[in-house]
């Protein structure tokens, strides 16, 4: 690995960081360079960095040779650089203006269905957790009698508080057409 390759990749990394932070307008050739890793490798700025092969760029990043990069969320520096390239592309493009035609209006009936679905999912999560705790309480012999009594008390309190939880009520004129006679 040549030192010039490492210096080139380091300079490209610094340029990408500035591009992400700048939020300013970019020249068209800079925008074109952000479209893919291959285009970015073919991009050059005189006095900063020259063209580099994609394989060399990837090799330096996959081997973790770029100093000063601490990105624990990524398995390799290559993944980090690809994400940074994507962020630079997102920041460089002006936000698209939404027209009133692209906004989708959700009907009141659809909102009610969605709310009922979410309520049903929440009740299923509660019942599942409730039954799991109750099953653990009955099956565990190594719990002290005080711990069992405390858990049972909390189960009884929850059962009384939420005894009216059930599936959402049936909607008017709601049919299931999945199975036909």
N, C-alpha and C. Protein backbone atom coordinates (compact mmCIF):
# COMPACT_ATOMS: atom_id res chain seq x y z
N UNK A 1 0.85 -1.18 0.00
CA UNK A 1 0.00 0.00 0.00
C UNK A 1 0.90 1.24 0.00
N UNK A 2 0.65 2.10 -0.93
CA UNK A 2 1.45 3.32 -1.04
C UNK A 2 0.93 4.35 -0.05
N UNK A 3 1.85 5.17 0.45
CA UNK A 3 1.45 6.26 1.34
C UNK A 3 0.57 7.26 0.61
N UNK A 4 0.77 7.39 -0.71
CA UNK A 4 -0.04 8.33 -1.47
C UNK A 4 -1.50 7.89 -1.51
N UNK A 5 -1.73 6.57 -1.55
CA UNK A 5 -3.10 6.06 -1.54
C UNK A 5 -3.78 6.38 -0.22
N UNK A 6 -3.07 6.17 0.87
CA UNK A 6 -3.62 6.48 2.18
C UNK A 6 -3.89 7.98 2.31
N UNK A 7 -2.95 8.79 1.85
CA UNK A 7 -3.14 10.25 1.91
C UNK A 7 -4.34 10.67 1.06
N UNK A 8 -4.51 10.04 -0.09
CA UNK A 8 -5.64 10.34 -0.96
C UNK A 8 -6.96 10.01 -0.26
N UNK A 9 -7.03 8.84 0.34
CA UNK A 9 -8.26 8.43 1.03
C UNK A 9 -8.53 9.35 2.22
N UNK A 10 -7.50 9.73 2.95
CA UNK A 10 -7.67 10.65 4.09
C UNK A 10 -8.19 12.00 3.62
N UNK A 11 -7.65 12.50 2.48
CA UNK A 11 -8.10 13.77 1.94
C UNK A 11 -9.56 13.67 1.48
N UNK A 12 -9.93 12.55 0.89
CA UNK A 12 -11.32 12.34 0.47
C UNK A 12 -12.25 12.30 1.68
N UNK A 13 -11.81 11.66 2.74
CA UNK A 13 -12.60 11.60 3.98
C UNK A 13 -12.83 13.00 4.53
N UNK A 14 -11.78 13.80 4.58
CA UNK A 14 -11.90 15.17 5.08
C UNK A 14 -12.84 15.99 4.19
N UNK A 15 -12.76 15.79 2.87
CA UNK A 15 -13.64 16.51 1.95
C UNK A 15 -15.10 16.11 2.17
N UNK A 16 -15.34 14.82 2.37
CA UNK A 16 -16.71 14.35 2.63
C UNK A 16 -17.26 14.94 3.93
N UNK A 17 -16.42 15.01 4.95
CA UNK A 17 -16.86 15.61 6.22
C UNK A 17 -17.26 17.07 6.03
N UNK A 18 -16.45 17.81 5.26
CA UNK A 18 -16.79 19.21 4.99
C UNK A 18 -18.07 19.31 4.17
N UNK A 19 -18.24 18.40 3.23
CA UNK A 19 -19.45 18.41 2.39
C UNK A 19 -20.70 18.16 3.23
N UNK A 20 -20.59 17.26 4.20
CA UNK A 20 -21.74 16.96 5.06
C UNK A 20 -22.08 18.15 5.95
N UNK A 21 -21.05 18.82 6.44
CA UNK A 21 -21.27 19.93 7.38
C UNK A 21 -21.63 21.24 6.69
N UNK A 22 -21.30 21.38 5.40
CA UNK A 22 -21.45 22.68 4.73
C UNK A 22 -22.89 23.05 4.44
N UNK A 23 -23.71 22.09 4.05
CA UNK A 23 -25.10 22.35 3.67
C UNK A 23 -25.23 23.45 2.62
N UNK A 24 -24.18 23.69 1.89
CA UNK A 24 -24.21 24.75 0.88
C UNK A 24 -24.38 24.17 -0.51
N UNK A 25 -24.41 25.07 -1.48
CA UNK A 25 -24.53 24.64 -2.86
C UNK A 25 -23.21 24.06 -3.32
N UNK A 26 -23.30 23.04 -4.14
CA UNK A 26 -22.10 22.40 -4.68
C UNK A 26 -22.09 22.54 -6.18
N UNK A 27 -20.90 22.52 -6.72
CA UNK A 27 -20.75 22.55 -8.18
C UNK A 27 -21.33 21.26 -8.75
N UNK A 28 -21.82 21.32 -9.98
CA UNK A 28 -22.44 20.13 -10.59
C UNK A 28 -21.49 18.91 -10.64
N UNK A 29 -20.20 19.15 -10.86
CA UNK A 29 -19.27 18.02 -10.91
C UNK A 29 -19.10 17.38 -9.52
N UNK A 30 -19.21 18.18 -8.47
CA UNK A 30 -19.16 17.64 -7.11
C UNK A 30 -20.40 16.81 -6.82
N UNK A 31 -21.56 17.31 -7.25
CA UNK A 31 -22.80 16.55 -7.07
C UNK A 31 -22.75 15.23 -7.82
N UNK A 32 -22.20 15.26 -9.03
CA UNK A 32 -22.09 14.03 -9.82
C UNK A 32 -21.16 13.03 -9.15
N UNK A 33 -20.13 13.53 -8.47
CA UNK A 33 -19.18 12.64 -7.79
C UNK A 33 -19.81 11.94 -6.61
N UNK A 34 -20.86 12.49 -6.05
CA UNK A 34 -21.49 11.90 -4.87
C UNK A 34 -22.52 10.82 -5.22
N UNK A 35 -22.76 10.58 -6.49
CA UNK A 35 -23.80 9.62 -6.88
C UNK A 35 -23.44 8.18 -6.55
N UNK A 36 -22.15 7.85 -6.56
CA UNK A 36 -21.73 6.48 -6.22
C UNK A 36 -20.28 6.50 -5.78
N UNK A 37 -19.86 5.40 -5.18
CA UNK A 37 -18.47 5.29 -4.74
C UNK A 37 -17.52 5.31 -5.94
N UNK A 38 -17.94 4.68 -7.04
CA UNK A 38 -17.10 4.66 -8.26
C UNK A 38 -16.91 6.07 -8.81
N UNK A 39 -18.00 6.84 -8.86
CA UNK A 39 -17.89 8.22 -9.35
C UNK A 39 -17.03 9.05 -8.40
N UNK A 40 -17.16 8.78 -7.10
CA UNK A 40 -16.37 9.52 -6.12
C UNK A 40 -14.88 9.23 -6.30
N UNK A 41 -14.54 7.99 -6.63
CA UNK A 41 -13.14 7.63 -6.84
C UNK A 41 -12.57 8.26 -8.12
N UNK A 42 -13.42 8.48 -9.11
CA UNK A 42 -12.97 9.11 -10.36
C UNK A 42 -12.90 10.63 -10.24
N UNK A 43 -13.45 11.16 -9.17
CA UNK A 43 -13.48 12.60 -8.92
C UNK A 43 -12.11 13.05 -8.42
N UNK A 44 -11.64 14.20 -8.88
CA UNK A 44 -10.38 14.73 -8.39
C UNK A 44 -10.47 16.25 -8.23
N UNK A 45 -9.77 16.73 -7.25
CA UNK A 45 -9.65 18.16 -7.00
C UNK A 45 -8.16 18.45 -6.96
N UNK A 46 -7.72 19.32 -7.87
CA UNK A 46 -6.28 19.57 -7.93
C UNK A 46 -5.80 20.20 -6.63
N UNK A 47 -4.68 19.71 -6.15
CA UNK A 47 -4.10 20.20 -4.91
C UNK A 47 -4.67 19.50 -3.68
N UNK A 48 -5.75 18.74 -3.83
CA UNK A 48 -6.34 18.03 -2.68
C UNK A 48 -6.20 16.53 -2.83
N UNK A 49 -6.79 15.99 -3.89
CA UNK A 49 -6.66 14.56 -4.15
C UNK A 49 -6.88 14.27 -5.63
N UNK A 50 -6.26 13.16 -6.06
CA UNK A 50 -6.34 12.73 -7.46
C UNK A 50 -7.27 11.53 -7.56
N UNK A 51 -7.48 11.06 -8.78
CA UNK A 51 -8.29 9.86 -8.99
C UNK A 51 -7.64 8.69 -8.28
N UNK A 52 -8.47 7.76 -7.85
CA UNK A 52 -8.00 6.56 -7.17
C UNK A 52 -8.89 5.42 -7.61
N UNK A 53 -8.34 4.23 -7.67
CA UNK A 53 -9.18 3.10 -8.08
C UNK A 53 -10.12 2.75 -6.93
N UNK A 54 -11.29 2.27 -7.30
CA UNK A 54 -12.28 1.89 -6.30
C UNK A 54 -11.74 0.78 -5.41
N UNK A 55 -11.01 -0.17 -5.99
CA UNK A 55 -10.46 -1.28 -5.20
C UNK A 55 -9.45 -0.79 -4.16
N UNK A 56 -8.62 0.18 -4.53
CA UNK A 56 -7.64 0.73 -3.59
C UNK A 56 -8.37 1.48 -2.47
N UNK A 57 -9.34 2.28 -2.85
CA UNK A 57 -10.13 3.05 -1.88
C UNK A 57 -10.80 2.09 -0.89
N UNK A 58 -11.40 1.03 -1.43
CA UNK A 58 -12.10 0.06 -0.59
C UNK A 58 -11.13 -0.70 0.30
N UNK A 59 -9.97 -1.07 -0.24
CA UNK A 59 -8.97 -1.83 0.53
C UNK A 59 -8.45 -1.02 1.72
N UNK A 60 -8.14 0.25 1.50
CA UNK A 60 -7.66 1.11 2.59
C UNK A 60 -8.73 1.19 3.68
N UNK A 61 -9.98 1.37 3.27
CA UNK A 61 -11.06 1.52 4.24
C UNK A 61 -11.38 0.21 4.95
N UNK A 62 -11.38 -0.89 4.23
CA UNK A 62 -11.70 -2.18 4.85
C UNK A 62 -10.62 -2.64 5.82
N UNK A 63 -9.38 -2.22 5.57
CA UNK A 63 -8.30 -2.58 6.48
C UNK A 63 -8.23 -1.64 7.68
N UNK A 64 -9.03 -0.59 7.69
CA UNK A 64 -9.08 0.32 8.84
C UNK A 64 -7.84 1.19 8.97
N UNK A 65 -7.27 1.60 7.86
CA UNK A 65 -6.01 2.34 7.89
C UNK A 65 -6.19 3.85 8.03
N UNK A 66 -7.40 4.35 7.93
CA UNK A 66 -7.62 5.79 7.98
C UNK A 66 -7.55 6.24 9.45
N UNK A 67 -6.59 7.09 9.78
CA UNK A 67 -6.46 7.51 11.18
C UNK A 67 -7.58 8.48 11.58
N UNK A 68 -7.94 8.43 12.84
CA UNK A 68 -8.89 9.39 13.39
C UNK A 68 -10.35 9.05 13.16
N UNK A 69 -10.64 7.89 12.59
CA UNK A 69 -12.04 7.50 12.41
C UNK A 69 -12.40 6.53 13.53
N UNK A 70 -13.33 6.97 14.35
CA UNK A 70 -13.87 6.11 15.39
C UNK A 70 -15.38 6.04 15.15
N UNK A 71 -15.81 4.98 14.53
CA UNK A 71 -17.22 4.82 14.20
C UNK A 71 -17.68 3.42 14.62
N UNK A 72 -17.97 3.24 15.90
CA UNK A 72 -18.32 1.89 16.38
C UNK A 72 -19.63 1.34 15.81
N UNK A 73 -20.45 2.20 15.23
CA UNK A 73 -21.72 1.73 14.68
C UNK A 73 -21.51 0.97 13.37
N UNK A 74 -20.32 1.05 12.79
CA UNK A 74 -20.05 0.41 11.51
C UNK A 74 -19.00 -0.68 11.70
N UNK A 75 -19.18 -1.76 10.96
CA UNK A 75 -18.25 -2.88 11.07
C UNK A 75 -16.88 -2.53 10.50
N UNK A 76 -16.86 -1.72 9.45
CA UNK A 76 -15.59 -1.33 8.83
C UNK A 76 -15.63 0.15 8.49
N UNK A 77 -14.45 0.70 8.22
CA UNK A 77 -14.38 2.08 7.77
C UNK A 77 -15.02 2.22 6.39
N UNK A 78 -15.05 1.16 5.62
CA UNK A 78 -15.68 1.20 4.30
C UNK A 78 -17.18 1.49 4.44
N UNK A 79 -17.84 0.78 5.35
CA UNK A 79 -19.26 1.03 5.58
C UNK A 79 -19.49 2.46 6.06
N UNK A 80 -18.60 2.93 6.93
CA UNK A 80 -18.69 4.31 7.41
C UNK A 80 -18.56 5.31 6.26
N UNK A 81 -17.59 5.09 5.36
CA UNK A 81 -17.39 6.00 4.24
C UNK A 81 -18.57 5.97 3.27
N UNK A 82 -19.15 4.79 3.04
CA UNK A 82 -20.33 4.72 2.18
C UNK A 82 -21.49 5.50 2.79
N UNK A 83 -21.65 5.40 4.11
CA UNK A 83 -22.70 6.16 4.78
C UNK A 83 -22.42 7.66 4.71
N UNK A 84 -21.17 8.03 4.89
CA UNK A 84 -20.77 9.44 4.81
C UNK A 84 -21.01 9.99 3.40
N UNK A 85 -20.74 9.19 2.39
CA UNK A 85 -21.00 9.58 1.00
C UNK A 85 -22.50 9.81 0.80
N UNK A 86 -23.30 8.94 1.36
CA UNK A 86 -24.76 9.08 1.26
C UNK A 86 -25.24 10.34 1.98
N UNK A 87 -24.69 10.60 3.16
CA UNK A 87 -25.06 11.82 3.90
C UNK A 87 -24.66 13.07 3.12
N UNK A 88 -23.48 13.06 2.53
CA UNK A 88 -23.03 14.22 1.74
C UNK A 88 -23.96 14.44 0.55
N UNK A 89 -24.38 13.36 -0.08
CA UNK A 89 -25.30 13.45 -1.21
C UNK A 89 -26.64 14.04 -0.75
N UNK A 90 -27.13 13.59 0.40
CA UNK A 90 -28.40 14.10 0.92
C UNK A 90 -28.32 15.58 1.28
N UNK A 91 -27.20 16.01 1.87
CA UNK A 91 -27.04 17.41 2.27
C UNK A 91 -26.81 18.32 1.06
N UNK A 92 -26.23 17.78 0.01
CA UNK A 92 -25.92 18.60 -1.15
C UNK A 92 -27.13 18.87 -2.02
N UNK A 93 -28.10 17.98 -1.99
CA UNK A 93 -29.28 18.15 -2.82
C UNK A 93 -30.28 19.04 -2.11
N UNK A 94 -30.84 20.00 -2.82
CA UNK A 94 -31.84 20.86 -2.18
C UNK A 94 -33.09 20.06 -1.85
N UNK A 95 -33.73 20.38 -0.73
CA UNK A 95 -34.94 19.63 -0.37
C UNK A 95 -36.01 19.83 -1.43
N UNK A 96 -36.70 18.78 -1.74
CA UNK A 96 -37.74 18.87 -2.75
C UNK A 96 -38.97 19.54 -2.15
N UNK A 97 -39.60 20.33 -2.98
CA UNK A 97 -40.81 21.02 -2.53
C UNK A 97 -41.99 20.09 -2.76
N UNK A 98 -42.80 19.94 -1.74
CA UNK A 98 -43.98 19.10 -1.87
C UNK A 98 -45.14 19.93 -2.38
N UNK A 99 -45.77 19.40 -3.36
CA UNK A 99 -46.97 20.09 -3.84
C UNK A 99 -48.16 19.54 -3.07
N UNK A 100 -49.23 20.28 -3.09
CA UNK A 100 -50.41 19.85 -2.35
C UNK A 100 -50.99 18.57 -2.94
N UNK A 101 -50.64 18.26 -4.20
CA UNK A 101 -51.14 17.05 -4.83
C UNK A 101 -50.48 15.80 -4.26
N UNK A 102 -49.23 15.90 -3.75
CA UNK A 102 -48.53 14.73 -3.27
C UNK A 102 -48.90 14.37 -1.84
N UNK A 103 -49.56 15.24 -1.14
CA UNK A 103 -49.96 14.95 0.24
C UNK A 103 -51.19 14.07 0.20
N UNK A 104 -51.08 12.93 0.85
CA UNK A 104 -52.19 11.98 0.86
C UNK A 104 -53.03 12.24 2.11
N UNK A 105 -54.28 12.44 1.89
CA UNK A 105 -55.21 12.64 2.99
C UNK A 105 -55.73 11.28 3.45
N UNK A 106 -55.73 11.06 4.72
CA UNK A 106 -56.24 9.81 5.29
C UNK A 106 -57.65 10.08 5.78
N UNK A 107 -58.55 9.23 5.36
CA UNK A 107 -59.95 9.42 5.74
C UNK A 107 -60.13 9.14 7.23
N UNK A 108 -61.23 9.63 7.75
CA UNK A 108 -61.53 9.43 9.18
C UNK A 108 -61.71 7.94 9.47
N UNK A 109 -62.36 7.22 8.55
CA UNK A 109 -62.54 5.77 8.76
C UNK A 109 -61.20 5.04 8.81
N UNK A 110 -60.27 5.45 7.94
CA UNK A 110 -58.95 4.82 7.93
C UNK A 110 -58.18 5.14 9.21
N UNK A 111 -58.32 6.36 9.70
CA UNK A 111 -57.68 6.73 10.97
C UNK A 111 -58.23 5.90 12.11
N UNK A 112 -59.55 5.67 12.11
CA UNK A 112 -60.17 4.85 13.15
C UNK A 112 -59.66 3.41 13.06
N UNK A 113 -59.57 2.88 11.85
CA UNK A 113 -59.05 1.52 11.68
C UNK A 113 -57.61 1.42 12.19
N UNK A 114 -56.79 2.42 11.86
CA UNK A 114 -55.39 2.41 12.30
C UNK A 114 -55.30 2.51 13.82
N UNK A 115 -56.13 3.38 14.41
CA UNK A 115 -56.11 3.52 15.86
C UNK A 115 -56.54 2.22 16.53
N UNK A 116 -57.57 1.57 15.98
CA UNK A 116 -58.01 0.29 16.53
C UNK A 116 -56.94 -0.78 16.39
N UNK A 117 -56.25 -0.78 15.27
CA UNK A 117 -55.18 -1.75 15.07
C UNK A 117 -54.07 -1.54 16.09
N UNK A 118 -53.67 -0.29 16.29
CA UNK A 118 -52.62 0.00 17.28
C UNK A 118 -53.07 -0.36 18.69
N UNK A 119 -54.31 -0.06 19.01
CA UNK A 119 -54.83 -0.42 20.33
C UNK A 119 -54.84 -1.93 20.51
N UNK A 120 -55.23 -2.64 19.46
CA UNK A 120 -55.25 -4.10 19.53
C UNK A 120 -53.84 -4.66 19.73
N UNK A 121 -52.88 -4.12 19.00
CA UNK A 121 -51.50 -4.57 19.15
C UNK A 121 -50.96 -4.30 20.55
N UNK A 122 -51.32 -3.14 21.10
CA UNK A 122 -50.89 -2.82 22.47
C UNK A 122 -51.51 -3.79 23.47
N UNK A 123 -52.78 -4.11 23.28
CA UNK A 123 -53.42 -5.05 24.21
C UNK A 123 -52.83 -6.44 24.07
N UNK A 124 -52.49 -6.85 22.84
CA UNK A 124 -51.84 -8.14 22.65
C UNK A 124 -50.48 -8.18 23.34
N UNK A 125 -49.73 -7.08 23.24
CA UNK A 125 -48.42 -7.02 23.89
C UNK A 125 -48.58 -7.13 25.41
N UNK A 126 -49.58 -6.43 25.95
CA UNK A 126 -49.81 -6.48 27.39
C UNK A 126 -50.21 -7.89 27.82
N UNK A 127 -51.12 -8.51 27.12
CA UNK A 127 -51.60 -9.84 27.48
C UNK A 127 -50.46 -10.85 27.37
N UNK A 128 -49.65 -10.73 26.33
CA UNK A 128 -48.51 -11.63 26.16
C UNK A 128 -47.53 -11.49 27.33
N UNK A 129 -47.19 -10.27 27.68
CA UNK A 129 -46.28 -10.02 28.79
C UNK A 129 -46.89 -10.50 30.10
N UNK A 130 -48.16 -10.20 30.29
CA UNK A 130 -48.88 -10.60 31.49
C UNK A 130 -48.86 -12.12 31.65
N UNK A 131 -49.19 -12.85 30.58
CA UNK A 131 -49.21 -14.31 30.64
C UNK A 131 -47.82 -14.88 30.85
N UNK A 132 -46.80 -14.26 30.26
CA UNK A 132 -45.43 -14.73 30.45
C UNK A 132 -45.00 -14.60 31.90
N UNK A 133 -45.30 -13.47 32.51
CA UNK A 133 -44.93 -13.26 33.92
C UNK A 133 -45.68 -14.25 34.81
N UNK A 134 -46.95 -14.45 34.52
CA UNK A 134 -47.75 -15.38 35.31
C UNK A 134 -47.22 -16.81 35.17
N UNK A 135 -46.81 -17.17 33.98
CA UNK A 135 -46.26 -18.51 33.75
C UNK A 135 -44.92 -18.68 34.47
N UNK A 136 -44.09 -17.65 34.45
CA UNK A 136 -42.80 -17.71 35.16
C UNK A 136 -43.05 -17.84 36.66
N UNK A 137 -44.02 -17.12 37.16
CA UNK A 137 -44.34 -17.17 38.59
C UNK A 137 -44.76 -18.57 39.01
N UNK A 138 -45.54 -19.24 38.18
CA UNK A 138 -46.02 -20.59 38.52
C UNK A 138 -44.93 -21.64 38.36
N UNK A 139 -44.01 -21.44 37.39
CA UNK A 139 -43.03 -22.49 37.09
C UNK A 139 -41.72 -22.36 37.88
N UNK A 140 -41.43 -21.21 38.43
CA UNK A 140 -40.17 -21.01 39.14
C UNK A 140 -40.30 -21.40 40.61
N UNK A 141 -39.54 -22.41 41.00
CA UNK A 141 -39.57 -22.85 42.39
C UNK A 141 -38.49 -22.18 43.22
N UNK A 142 -37.54 -21.52 42.56
CA UNK A 142 -36.43 -20.94 43.29
C UNK A 142 -36.70 -19.51 43.77
N UNK A 143 -37.89 -18.99 43.52
CA UNK A 143 -38.25 -17.65 44.00
C UNK A 143 -38.66 -17.73 45.47
N UNK A 144 -38.29 -16.72 46.22
CA UNK A 144 -38.69 -16.70 47.62
C UNK A 144 -40.19 -16.44 47.72
N UNK A 145 -40.76 -16.78 48.84
CA UNK A 145 -42.20 -16.58 49.01
C UNK A 145 -42.55 -15.10 48.99
N UNK A 146 -41.65 -14.26 49.48
CA UNK A 146 -41.90 -12.80 49.46
C UNK A 146 -41.90 -12.30 48.02
N UNK A 147 -40.93 -12.74 47.20
CA UNK A 147 -40.87 -12.32 45.81
C UNK A 147 -42.10 -12.79 45.06
N UNK A 148 -42.52 -14.05 45.31
CA UNK A 148 -43.73 -14.57 44.66
C UNK A 148 -44.96 -13.75 45.05
N UNK A 149 -45.04 -13.40 46.32
CA UNK A 149 -46.20 -12.64 46.79
C UNK A 149 -46.22 -11.25 46.16
N UNK A 150 -45.06 -10.62 46.04
CA UNK A 150 -45.00 -9.29 45.43
C UNK A 150 -45.39 -9.34 43.95
N UNK A 151 -44.85 -10.32 43.24
CA UNK A 151 -45.19 -10.45 41.83
C UNK A 151 -46.68 -10.74 41.66
N UNK A 152 -47.21 -11.64 42.49
CA UNK A 152 -48.63 -11.97 42.41
C UNK A 152 -49.48 -10.75 42.71
N UNK A 153 -49.05 -9.93 43.65
CA UNK A 153 -49.80 -8.70 43.97
C UNK A 153 -49.83 -7.77 42.77
N UNK A 154 -48.69 -7.60 42.09
CA UNK A 154 -48.65 -6.74 40.91
C UNK A 154 -49.51 -7.30 39.78
N UNK A 155 -49.52 -8.62 39.64
CA UNK A 155 -50.39 -9.25 38.64
C UNK A 155 -51.85 -8.98 38.96
N UNK A 156 -52.22 -9.11 40.23
CA UNK A 156 -53.61 -8.86 40.64
C UNK A 156 -54.00 -7.40 40.41
N UNK A 157 -53.10 -6.48 40.72
CA UNK A 157 -53.38 -5.06 40.51
C UNK A 157 -53.57 -4.78 39.01
N UNK A 158 -52.67 -5.32 38.18
CA UNK A 158 -52.78 -5.12 36.73
C UNK A 158 -54.05 -5.75 36.18
N UNK A 159 -54.39 -6.94 36.68
CA UNK A 159 -55.61 -7.60 36.22
C UNK A 159 -56.83 -6.75 36.53
N UNK A 160 -56.86 -6.15 37.71
CA UNK A 160 -58.00 -5.31 38.10
C UNK A 160 -58.02 -4.00 37.30
N UNK A 161 -56.86 -3.37 37.13
CA UNK A 161 -56.79 -2.11 36.40
C UNK A 161 -57.20 -2.25 34.95
N UNK A 162 -56.75 -3.33 34.33
CA UNK A 162 -56.91 -3.47 32.90
C UNK A 162 -57.85 -4.61 32.52
N UNK A 163 -58.84 -4.87 33.35
CA UNK A 163 -59.75 -5.98 33.08
C UNK A 163 -60.65 -5.72 31.87
N UNK A 164 -60.74 -4.48 31.44
CA UNK A 164 -61.60 -4.15 30.31
C UNK A 164 -60.86 -4.13 28.98
N UNK A 165 -59.57 -4.50 29.00
CA UNK A 165 -58.82 -4.53 27.74
C UNK A 165 -59.33 -5.68 26.90
N UNK A 166 -59.63 -5.36 25.67
CA UNK A 166 -60.06 -6.39 24.73
C UNK A 166 -59.72 -5.92 23.33
N UNK A 167 -60.03 -6.72 22.36
CA UNK A 167 -59.82 -6.33 20.97
C UNK A 167 -60.72 -5.16 20.65
N UNK A 168 -60.38 -4.38 19.64
CA UNK A 168 -61.23 -3.25 19.28
C UNK A 168 -62.61 -3.74 18.87
N UNK A 169 -63.60 -2.94 19.18
CA UNK A 169 -64.96 -3.32 18.84
C UNK A 169 -65.11 -3.39 17.33
N UNK A 170 -66.03 -4.20 16.89
CA UNK A 170 -66.25 -4.36 15.45
C UNK A 170 -66.75 -3.05 14.86
N UNK A 171 -66.18 -2.70 13.73
CA UNK A 171 -66.60 -1.47 13.06
C UNK A 171 -67.91 -1.72 12.33
N UNK A 172 -68.69 -0.67 12.17
CA UNK A 172 -69.93 -0.80 11.42
C UNK A 172 -69.60 -1.08 9.96
N UNK A 173 -70.37 -1.98 9.36
CA UNK A 173 -70.23 -2.33 7.95
C UNK A 173 -68.82 -2.83 7.61
N UNK A 174 -68.18 -3.50 8.53
CA UNK A 174 -66.83 -4.00 8.30
C UNK A 174 -66.92 -5.47 7.96
N UNK A 175 -66.42 -5.85 6.78
CA UNK A 175 -66.48 -7.23 6.34
C UNK A 175 -65.09 -7.72 6.01
N UNK A 176 -64.91 -9.01 6.21
CA UNK A 176 -63.68 -9.64 5.77
C UNK A 176 -63.99 -10.44 4.52
N UNK A 177 -63.32 -10.09 3.45
CA UNK A 177 -63.56 -10.76 2.18
C UNK A 177 -62.42 -11.70 1.79
N UNK A 178 -61.63 -12.12 2.75
CA UNK A 178 -60.49 -12.97 2.42
C UNK A 178 -60.93 -14.38 2.04
N UNK A 179 -61.92 -14.91 2.75
CA UNK A 179 -62.39 -16.25 2.50
C UNK A 179 -63.81 -16.16 1.97
N UNK A 180 -64.02 -16.74 0.82
CA UNK A 180 -65.35 -16.73 0.22
C UNK A 180 -65.91 -18.13 0.20
N UNK A 181 -67.22 -18.24 0.36
CA UNK A 181 -67.88 -19.55 0.33
C UNK A 181 -67.93 -20.11 -1.06
